[in-house]
Amino acid sequence: MEFTCIRNYTAAPGVGAVQINRPAALNALNLQTMTEIVEAFAACDADSDIRCILLHGNEKAFAAGADVKEMSGAGAVEMLERDQFARWERIRQTKKPVIAAVSGFALGGGCELAMLCDMIVASETAQFGQPEINIGVMPGAGGTQRLTRAVGKALAMELVLTGRMLSAREALRAGLVNRVVPVETYLYEAAALAREVASKAPVAARLAKESVLKSFGTSLESGLEFERKNFYMLFATDDQKEGMSAFVEKRKPKWTGK
């Protein structure tokens, strides 16, 4: 599969990596880039050797936002017909765990893309924000919803209505990211976390991810019911038998993903 806006590679055993590769545009997310990310994630989901996905840009920018040039002359009907957010929905439906490694700018669509991932490892230079208000629009790919759920109403309102950026340390304190590490090691640290996730039972990881995400769109009662069904379902897998046998026998389990 040929890509022009991303680089798709294997970062470590079990880890499929996708790098946004438009450095001259600070990795701005145009339609082609988003389409290629969708295709790369779909390929990772379909590859049984890949158990976790790592998404990153470069040290200067994860993604500095959507490609404004691509949208500036469009009208409402054209934007509706373009249906650019369908690509975001397909990324949201990725079954395998996804870890974002963020350094530099993660603004607008870049922040929204990072929040679509399941975990975020940030470098000390990372800056998060939803500055759409500064160009006369507002977040449209989940910024008002996921950011509010992550950091709370007060801080989300401030970021969305003023366009100010959140430093990596602020993002950590607010619960937006998992950890902050030196810029020299941010990609290594994210890959190490991805390797750890990839070392776990694949079906259990997938159903556990589904269950955590379910908590954002349902009541506690419905979420608990969903969790229990996924828990019981895992007792039909070979990995459950292997995992519990390995625990009893005090040895390392050998997962098959079945």
C-alpha atoms as a PDB file:
ATOM      1  CA  MET A   1       0.000   0.000   0.000  1.00  0.00           C
ATOM      2  CA  GLU A   2       1.494   3.334  -1.094  1.00  0.00           C
ATOM      3  CA  PHE A   3       1.147   6.405   1.133  1.00  0.00           C
ATOM      4  CA  THR A   4       2.245   9.997   0.511  1.00  0.00           C
ATOM      5  CA  CYS A   5       1.184  11.770   3.727  1.00  0.00           C
ATOM      6  CA  ILE A   6       2.019   9.115   6.304  1.00  0.00           C
ATOM      7  CA  ARG A   7       4.627   6.468   6.957  1.00  0.00           C
ATOM      8  CA  ASN A   8       3.419   3.029   8.013  1.00  0.00           C
ATOM      9  CA  TYR A   9       5.939   0.694   9.654  1.00  0.00           C
ATOM     10  CA  THR A  10       6.495  -1.877  12.411  1.00  0.00           C
ATOM     11  CA  ALA A  11       7.879  -0.161  15.509  1.00  0.00           C
ATOM     12  CA  ALA A  12       8.414  -3.317  17.565  1.00  0.00           C
ATOM     13  CA  PRO A  13       7.069  -6.875  17.675  1.00  0.00           C
ATOM     14  CA  GLY A  14       3.292  -6.594  17.881  1.00  0.00           C
ATOM     15  CA  VAL A  15       3.302  -2.802  17.363  1.00  0.00           C
ATOM     16  CA  GLY A  16       2.206  -1.183  14.123  1.00  0.00           C
ATOM     17  CA  ALA A  17       3.287   2.452  13.822  1.00  0.00           C
ATOM     18  CA  VAL A  18       1.759   5.225  11.741  1.00  0.00           C
ATOM     19  CA  GLN A  19       3.677   8.486  11.351  1.00  0.00           C
ATOM     20  CA  ILE A  20       1.998  11.620  10.021  1.00  0.00           C
ATOM     21  CA  ASN A  21       4.596  12.808   7.533  1.00  0.00           C
ATOM     22  CA  ARG A  22       3.864  16.317   6.242  1.00  0.00           C
ATOM     23  CA  PRO A  23       6.637  18.244   8.032  1.00  0.00           C
ATOM     24  CA  ALA A  24       6.503  21.270   5.705  1.00  0.00           C
ATOM     25  CA  ALA A  25       2.857  21.776   6.730  1.00  0.00           C
ATOM     26  CA  LEU A  26       3.438  20.964  10.422  1.00  0.00           C
ATOM     27  CA  ASN A  27       1.568  17.722   9.729  1.00  0.00           C
ATOM     28  CA  ALA A  28      -1.696  19.548   8.975  1.00  0.00           C
ATOM     29  CA  LEU A  29      -4.532  17.074   8.502  1.00  0.00           C
ATOM     30  CA  ASN A  30      -5.911  17.339   4.976  1.00  0.00           C
ATOM     31  CA  LEU A  31      -8.409  14.864   3.537  1.00  0.00           C
ATOM     32  CA  GLN A  32      -5.705  12.721   1.971  1.00  0.00           C
ATOM     33  CA  THR A  33      -3.801  12.428   5.246  1.00  0.00           C
ATOM     34  CA  MET A  34      -6.926  11.408   7.133  1.00  0.00           C
ATOM     35  CA  THR A  35      -7.814   8.882   4.421  1.00  0.00           C
ATOM     36  CA  GLU A  36      -4.339   7.357   4.652  1.00  0.00           C
ATOM     37  CA  ILE A  37      -4.529   7.154   8.453  1.00  0.00           C
ATOM     38  CA  VAL A  38      -7.875   5.358   8.129  1.00  0.00           C
ATOM     39  CA  GLU A  39      -6.389   2.887   5.633  1.00  0.00           C
ATOM     40  CA  ALA A  40      -3.292   2.275   7.757  1.00  0.00           C
ATOM     41  CA  PHE A  41      -5.352   1.702  10.912  1.00  0.00           C
ATOM     42  CA  ALA A  42      -7.640  -0.690   9.018  1.00  0.00           C
ATOM     43  CA  ALA A  43      -4.601  -2.632   7.821  1.00  0.00           C
ATOM     44  CA  CYS A  44      -3.282  -2.828  11.399  1.00  0.00           C
ATOM     45  CA  ASP A  45      -6.667  -3.999  12.652  1.00  0.00           C
ATOM     46  CA  ALA A  46      -6.691  -6.761  10.020  1.00  0.00           C
ATOM     47  CA  ASP A  47      -3.122  -7.923  10.769  1.00  0.00           C
ATOM     48  CA  SER A  48      -3.111 -10.615  13.456  1.00  0.00           C
ATOM     49  CA  ASP A  49       0.574  -9.940  14.177  1.00  0.00           C
ATOM     50  CA  ILE A  50      -0.219  -6.384  15.281  1.00  0.00           C
ATOM     51  CA  ARG A  51      -1.736  -6.008  18.738  1.00  0.00           C
ATOM     52  CA  CYS A  52      -1.289  -2.295  19.398  1.00  0.00           C
ATOM     53  CA  ILE A  53      -1.034   0.791  17.169  1.00  0.00           C
ATOM     54  CA  LEU A  54       1.305   3.742  17.718  1.00  0.00           C
ATOM     55  CA  LEU A  55       0.454   7.095  16.099  1.00  0.00           C
ATOM     56  CA  HIS A  56       2.938   9.970  16.002  1.00  0.00           C
ATOM     57  CA  GLY A  57       4.208  12.960  14.074  1.00  0.00           C
ATOM     58  CA  ASN A  58       7.654  14.469  14.618  1.00  0.00           C
ATOM     59  CA  GLU A  59       9.327  16.400  17.437  1.00  0.00           C
ATOM     60  CA  LYS A  60       8.004  19.755  16.162  1.00  0.00           C
ATOM     61  CA  ALA A  61       4.391  18.755  15.560  1.00  0.00           C
ATOM     62  CA  PHE A  62       2.074  15.832  16.120  1.00  0.00           C
ATOM     63  CA  ALA A  63      -0.419  17.703  13.940  1.00  0.00           C
ATOM     64  CA  ALA A  64      -0.877  21.470  14.013  1.00  0.00           C
ATOM     65  CA  GLY A  65      -4.515  21.256  12.982  1.00  0.00           C
ATOM     66  CA  ALA A  66      -6.713  20.761   9.958  1.00  0.00           C
ATOM     67  CA  ASP A  67      -5.538  22.052   6.593  1.00  0.00           C
ATOM     68  CA  VAL A  68      -7.234  25.463   6.607  1.00  0.00           C
ATOM     69  CA  LYS A  69      -6.380  26.091   2.944  1.00  0.00           C
ATOM     70  CA  GLU A  70      -8.474  23.067   2.013  1.00  0.00           C
ATOM     71  CA  MET A  71     -11.538  24.438   3.832  1.00  0.00           C
ATOM     72  CA  SER A  72     -11.294  28.225   3.562  1.00  0.00           C
ATOM     73  CA  GLY A  73     -13.341  28.643   0.374  1.00  0.00           C
ATOM     74  CA  ALA A  74     -15.928  25.939   1.047  1.00  0.00           C
ATOM     75  CA  GLY A  75     -19.599  26.555   1.720  1.00  0.00           C
ATOM     76  CA  ALA A  76     -21.876  24.777   4.181  1.00  0.00           C
ATOM     77  CA  VAL A  77     -23.381  22.410   1.596  1.00  0.00           C
ATOM     78  CA  GLU A  78     -19.960  21.552   0.192  1.00  0.00           C
ATOM     79  CA  MET A  79     -18.661  20.761   3.684  1.00  0.00           C
ATOM     80  CA  LEU A  80     -21.725  18.623   4.338  1.00  0.00           C
ATOM     81  CA  GLU A  81     -21.262  16.678   1.113  1.00  0.00           C
ATOM     82  CA  ARG A  82     -17.529  16.319   1.726  1.00  0.00           C
ATOM     83  CA  ASP A  83     -18.416  14.418   4.925  1.00  0.00           C
ATOM     84  CA  GLN A  84     -14.862  14.688   6.189  1.00  0.00           C
ATOM     85  CA  PHE A  85     -15.817  13.538   9.674  1.00  0.00           C
ATOM     86  CA  ALA A  86     -16.728  10.076   8.365  1.00  0.00           C
ATOM     87  CA  ARG A  87     -12.986   9.403   8.386  1.00  0.00           C
ATOM     88  CA  TRP A  88     -12.801  10.345  12.060  1.00  0.00           C
ATOM     89  CA  GLU A  89     -15.624   7.931  12.835  1.00  0.00           C
ATOM     90  CA  ARG A  90     -13.760   5.109  11.111  1.00  0.00           C
ATOM     91  CA  ILE A  91     -10.673   5.864  13.217  1.00  0.00           C
ATOM     92  CA  ARG A  92     -12.850   5.836  16.352  1.00  0.00           C
ATOM     93  CA  GLN A  93     -14.002   2.336  15.413  1.00  0.00           C
ATOM     94  CA  THR A  94     -10.450   0.933  15.445  1.00  0.00           C
ATOM     95  CA  LYS A  95     -10.605  -2.260  17.483  1.00  0.00           C
ATOM     96  CA  LYS A  96      -7.016  -2.507  18.687  1.00  0.00           C
ATOM     97  CA  PRO A  97      -5.568  -0.199  21.341  1.00  0.00           C
ATOM     98  CA  VAL A  98      -4.065   3.008  19.938  1.00  0.00           C
ATOM     99  CA  ILE A  99      -1.369   5.076  21.652  1.00  0.00           C
ATOM    100  CA  ALA A 100      -0.530   8.624  20.528  1.00  0.00           C
ATOM    101  CA  ALA A 101       3.032   9.894  20.930  1.00  0.00           C
ATOM    102  CA  VAL A 102       2.732  13.681  20.945  1.00  0.00           C
ATOM    103  CA  SER A 103       5.531  16.205  20.675  1.00  0.00           C
ATOM    104  CA  GLY A 104       5.193  19.854  19.724  1.00  0.00           C
ATOM    105  CA  PHE A 105       1.869  21.099  18.421  1.00  0.00           C
ATOM    106  CA  ALA A 106      -1.335  19.078  18.800  1.00  0.00           C
ATOM    107  CA  LEU A 107      -3.838  21.761  17.932  1.00  0.00           C
ATOM    108  CA  GLY A 108      -7.357  21.761  16.528  1.00  0.00           C
ATOM    109  CA  GLY A 109      -7.743  18.567  14.551  1.00  0.00           C
ATOM    110  CA  GLY A 110      -4.388  17.424  15.914  1.00  0.00           C
ATOM    111  CA  CYS A 111      -5.683  17.622  19.474  1.00  0.00           C
ATOM    112  CA  GLU A 112      -8.897  15.909  18.420  1.00  0.00           C
ATOM    113  CA  LEU A 113      -6.935  13.131  16.708  1.00  0.00           C
ATOM    114  CA  ALA A 114      -4.793  12.581  19.805  1.00  0.00           C
ATOM    115  CA  MET A 115      -7.956  12.377  21.916  1.00  0.00           C
ATOM    116  CA  LEU A 116      -9.328   9.699  19.571  1.00  0.00           C
ATOM    117  CA  CYS A 117      -6.455   7.505  20.706  1.00  0.00           C
ATOM    118  CA  ASP A 118      -6.730   5.403  23.846  1.00  0.00           C
ATOM    119  CA  MET A 119      -3.638   6.777  25.601  1.00  0.00           C
ATOM    120  CA  ILE A 120      -1.325   9.735  25.071  1.00  0.00           C
ATOM    121  CA  VAL A 121       2.381   9.936  25.848  1.00  0.00           C
ATOM    122  CA  ALA A 122       3.508  13.565  25.592  1.00  0.00           C
ATOM    123  CA  SER A 123       6.945  15.108  25.310  1.00  0.00           C
ATOM    124  CA  GLU A 124       7.784  18.090  27.493  1.00  0.00           C
ATOM    125  CA  THR A 125       7.351  20.330  24.439  1.00  0.00           C
ATOM    126  CA  ALA A 126       3.832  19.153  23.634  1.00  0.00           C
ATOM    127  CA  GLN A 127       1.117  21.794  23.395  1.00  0.00           C
ATOM    128  CA  PHE A 128      -2.571  20.935  23.159  1.00  0.00           C
ATOM    129  CA  GLY A 129      -5.414  23.204  22.164  1.00  0.00           C
ATOM    130  CA  GLN A 130      -8.560  23.938  20.187  1.00  0.00           C
ATOM    131  CA  PRO A 131      -7.800  27.335  18.581  1.00  0.00           C
ATOM    132  CA  GLU A 132     -10.590  27.186  15.983  1.00  0.00           C
ATOM    133  CA  ILE A 133     -12.240  30.240  17.570  1.00  0.00           C
ATOM    134  CA  ASN A 134      -9.331  32.311  16.237  1.00  0.00           C
ATOM    135  CA  ILE A 135     -10.361  31.637  12.623  1.00  0.00           C
ATOM    136  CA  GLY A 136     -14.086  32.095  13.159  1.00  0.00           C
ATOM    137  CA  VAL A 137     -15.186  28.493  13.639  1.00  0.00           C
ATOM    138  CA  MET A 138     -15.258  25.895  16.429  1.00  0.00           C
ATOM    139  CA  PRO A 139     -14.062  22.324  16.917  1.00  0.00           C
ATOM    140  CA  GLY A 140     -15.920  19.870  14.711  1.00  0.00           C
ATOM    141  CA  ALA A 141     -14.171  16.519  15.174  1.00  0.00           C
ATOM    142  CA  GLY A 142     -14.967  15.967  18.836  1.00  0.00           C
ATOM    143  CA  GLY A 143     -13.094  18.828  20.463  1.00  0.00           C
ATOM    144  CA  THR A 144     -16.016  20.178  22.459  1.00  0.00           C
ATOM    145  CA  GLN A 145     -17.056  16.684  23.557  1.00  0.00           C
ATOM    146  CA  ARG A 146     -13.907  14.641  24.215  1.00  0.00           C
ATOM    147  CA  LEU A 147     -11.976  17.557  25.681  1.00  0.00           C
ATOM    148  CA  THR A 148     -14.786  18.301  28.136  1.00  0.00           C
ATOM    149  CA  ARG A 149     -14.953  14.657  29.183  1.00  0.00           C
ATOM    150  CA  ALA A 150     -11.182  14.586  29.668  1.00  0.00           C
ATOM    151  CA  VAL A 151     -10.513  17.855  31.507  1.00  0.00           C
ATOM    152  CA  GLY A 152     -13.919  19.062  32.724  1.00  0.00           C
ATOM    153  CA  LYS A 153     -16.246  21.892  31.721  1.00  0.00           C
ATOM    154  CA  ALA A 154     -14.346  24.869  33.125  1.00  0.00           C
ATOM    155  CA  LEU A 155     -11.006  24.165  31.466  1.00  0.00           C
ATOM    156  CA  ALA A 156     -12.600  22.958  28.217  1.00  0.00           C
ATOM    157  CA  MET A 157     -14.628  26.178  27.999  1.00  0.00           C
ATOM    158  CA  GLU A 158     -11.488  28.238  28.514  1.00  0.00           C
ATOM    159  CA  LEU A 159      -9.544  26.421  25.821  1.00  0.00           C
ATOM    160  CA  VAL A 160     -12.366  26.394  23.279  1.00  0.00           C
ATOM    161  CA  LEU A 161     -13.502  29.989  23.847  1.00  0.00           C
ATOM    162  CA  THR A 162     -10.083  31.632  24.104  1.00  0.00           C
ATOM    163  CA  GLY A 163      -8.011  29.359  21.882  1.00  0.00           C
ATOM    164  CA  ARG A 164      -5.164  29.200  24.399  1.00  0.00           C
ATOM    165  CA  MET A 165      -2.828  26.250  24.417  1.00  0.00           C
ATOM    166  CA  LEU A 166      -2.322  23.753  27.220  1.00  0.00           C
ATOM    167  CA  SER A 167       1.257  22.800  28.100  1.00  0.00           C
ATOM    168  CA  ALA A 168       2.249  19.175  28.516  1.00  0.00           C
ATOM    169  CA  ARG A 169       2.416  19.529  32.303  1.00  0.00           C
ATOM    170  CA  GLU A 170      -0.984  21.220  32.411  1.00  0.00           C
ATOM    171  CA  ALA A 171      -2.382  18.436  30.227  1.00  0.00           C
ATOM    172  CA  LEU A 172      -0.997  15.852  32.644  1.00  0.00           C
ATOM    173  CA  ARG A 173      -2.512  17.579  35.671  1.00  0.00           C
ATOM    174  CA  ALA A 174      -5.842  17.870  33.879  1.00  0.00           C
ATOM    175  CA  GLY A 175      -5.918  14.181  32.994  1.00  0.00           C
ATOM    176  CA  LEU A 176      -5.602  14.637  29.231  1.00  0.00           C
ATOM    177  CA  VAL A 177      -2.364  12.655  28.889  1.00  0.00           C
ATOM    178  CA  ASN A 178      -0.917   9.579  30.592  1.00  0.00           C
ATOM    179  CA  ARG A 179       2.629  10.812  31.098  1.00  0.00           C
ATOM    180  CA  VAL A 180       5.115  13.530  30.154  1.00  0.00           C
ATOM    181  CA  VAL A 181       8.678  12.560  29.227  1.00  0.00           C
ATOM    182  CA  PRO A 182      11.740  14.295  27.755  1.00  0.00           C
ATOM    183  CA  VAL A 183      11.432  15.112  24.065  1.00  0.00           C
ATOM    184  CA  GLU A 184      14.506  12.981  23.359  1.00  0.00           C
ATOM    185  CA  THR A 185      12.742   9.849  24.592  1.00  0.00           C
ATOM    186  CA  TYR A 186       9.037  10.497  23.958  1.00  0.00           C
ATOM    187  CA  LEU A 187       8.780   8.130  20.998  1.00  0.00           C
ATOM    188  CA  TYR A 188      10.754   5.427  22.786  1.00  0.00           C
ATOM    189  CA  GLU A 189       8.533   5.733  25.878  1.00  0.00           C
ATOM    190  CA  ALA A 190       5.362   5.558  23.775  1.00  0.00           C
ATOM    191  CA  ALA A 191       6.679   2.528  21.908  1.00  0.00           C
ATOM    192  CA  ALA A 192       7.549   0.862  25.224  1.00  0.00           C
ATOM    193  CA  LEU A 193       3.979   1.401  26.433  1.00  0.00           C
ATOM    194  CA  ALA A 194       2.686   0.021  23.127  1.00  0.00           C
ATOM    195  CA  ARG A 195       4.912  -3.039  23.501  1.00  0.00           C
ATOM    196  CA  GLU A 196       3.557  -3.627  26.985  1.00  0.00           C
ATOM    197  CA  VAL A 197      -0.044  -3.460  25.720  1.00  0.00           C
ATOM    198  CA  ALA A 198       0.880  -5.713  22.780  1.00  0.00           C
ATOM    199  CA  SER A 199       2.223  -8.314  25.208  1.00  0.00           C
ATOM    200  CA  LYS A 200      -1.227  -8.872  26.738  1.00  0.00           C
ATOM    201  CA  ALA A 201      -4.004 -11.197  25.579  1.00  0.00           C
ATOM    202  CA  PRO A 202      -5.295  -9.611  22.324  1.00  0.00           C
ATOM    203  CA  VAL A 203      -8.996 -10.448  22.633  1.00  0.00           C
ATOM    204  CA  ALA A 204      -9.066  -9.370  26.265  1.00  0.00           C
ATOM    205  CA  ALA A 205      -7.389  -6.079  25.339  1.00  0.00           C
ATOM    206  CA  ARG A 206      -9.927  -5.443  22.606  1.00  0.00           C
ATOM    207  CA  LEU A 207     -12.944  -6.147  24.824  1.00  0.00           C
ATOM    208  CA  ALA A 208     -11.454  -4.179  27.718  1.00  0.00           C
ATOM    209  CA  LYS A 209     -10.981  -1.179  25.398  1.00  0.00           C
ATOM    210  CA  GLU A 210     -14.602  -1.503  24.230  1.00  0.00           C
ATOM    211  CA  SER A 211     -15.797  -1.570  27.828  1.00  0.00           C
ATOM    212  CA  VAL A 212     -13.860   1.506  28.915  1.00  0.00           C
ATOM    213  CA  LEU A 213     -15.090   3.492  25.903  1.00  0.00           C
ATOM    214  CA  LYS A 214     -18.653   2.343  26.553  1.00  0.00           C
ATOM    215  CA  SER A 215     -18.586   4.212  29.868  1.00  0.00           C
ATOM    216  CA  PHE A 216     -18.612   7.562  28.038  1.00  0.00           C
ATOM    217  CA  GLY A 217     -21.905   7.004  26.248  1.00  0.00           C
ATOM    218  CA  THR A 218     -24.124   5.088  28.609  1.00  0.00           C
ATOM    219  CA  SER A 219     -25.439   4.910  32.149  1.00  0.00           C
ATOM    220  CA  LEU A 220     -23.535   3.099  34.894  1.00  0.00           C
ATOM    221  CA  GLU A 221     -26.118   0.312  34.873  1.00  0.00           C
ATOM    222  CA  SER A 222     -25.847  -0.238  31.108  1.00  0.00           C
ATOM    223  CA  GLY A 223     -22.079   0.039  31.260  1.00  0.00           C
ATOM    224  CA  LEU A 224     -21.834  -2.598  33.957  1.00  0.00           C
ATOM    225  CA  GLU A 225     -24.066  -4.930  31.935  1.00  0.00           C
ATOM    226  CA  PHE A 226     -21.826  -4.430  28.882  1.00  0.00           C
ATOM    227  CA  GLU A 227     -18.704  -5.043  30.982  1.00  0.00           C
ATOM    228  CA  ARG A 228     -20.085  -8.300  32.428  1.00  0.00           C
ATOM    229  CA  LYS A 229     -21.033  -9.651  29.002  1.00  0.00           C
ATOM    230  CA  ASN A 230     -17.519  -8.979  27.718  1.00  0.00           C
ATOM    231  CA  PHE A 231     -16.057 -10.566  30.865  1.00  0.00           C
ATOM    232  CA  TYR A 232     -18.116 -13.726  30.381  1.00  0.00           C
ATOM    233  CA  MET A 233     -17.324 -13.810  26.651  1.00  0.00           C
ATOM    234  CA  LEU A 234     -13.606 -14.088  27.392  1.00  0.00           C
ATOM    235  CA  PHE A 235     -14.213 -17.459  29.047  1.00  0.00           C
ATOM    236  CA  ALA A 236     -14.855 -18.807  25.555  1.00  0.00           C
ATOM    237  CA  THR A 237     -11.290 -17.964  24.471  1.00  0.00           C
ATOM    238  CA  ASP A 238      -8.171 -20.117  24.432  1.00  0.00           C
ATOM    239  CA  ASP A 239      -6.248 -17.199  25.896  1.00  0.00           C
ATOM    240  CA  GLN A 240      -8.365 -17.234  29.064  1.00  0.00           C
ATOM    241  CA  LYS A 241      -7.543 -20.904  29.587  1.00  0.00           C
ATOM    242  CA  GLU A 242      -3.861 -20.277  28.844  1.00  0.00           C
ATOM    243  CA  GLY A 243      -3.669 -17.187  31.043  1.00  0.00           C
ATOM    244  CA  MET A 244      -5.187 -18.805  34.093  1.00  0.00           C
ATOM    245  CA  SER A 245      -3.208 -22.020  33.621  1.00  0.00           C
ATOM    246  CA  ALA A 246       0.011 -20.030  33.323  1.00  0.00           C
ATOM    247  CA  PHE A 247      -0.843 -18.118  36.503  1.00  0.00           C
ATOM    248  CA  VAL A 248      -1.461 -21.354  38.434  1.00  0.00           C
ATOM    249  CA  GLU A 249       1.677 -22.969  36.984  1.00  0.00           C
ATOM    250  CA  LYS A 250       3.753 -19.808  37.623  1.00  0.00           C
ATOM    251  CA  ARG A 251       4.943 -19.415  34.040  1.00  0.00           C
ATOM    252  CA  LYS A 252       4.648 -16.800  31.325  1.00  0.00           C
ATOM    253  CA  PRO A 253       1.499 -17.192  29.176  1.00  0.00           C
ATOM    254  CA  LYS A 254       1.679 -17.734  25.426  1.00  0.00           C
ATOM    255  CA  TRP A 255      -1.153 -15.814  23.802  1.00  0.00           C
ATOM    256  CA  THR A 256      -2.660 -16.924  20.498  1.00  0.00           C
ATOM    257  CA  GLY A 257      -5.372 -14.304  20.139  1.00  0.00           C
ATOM    258  CA  LYS A 258      -8.043 -16.996  20.064  1.00  0.00           C
END
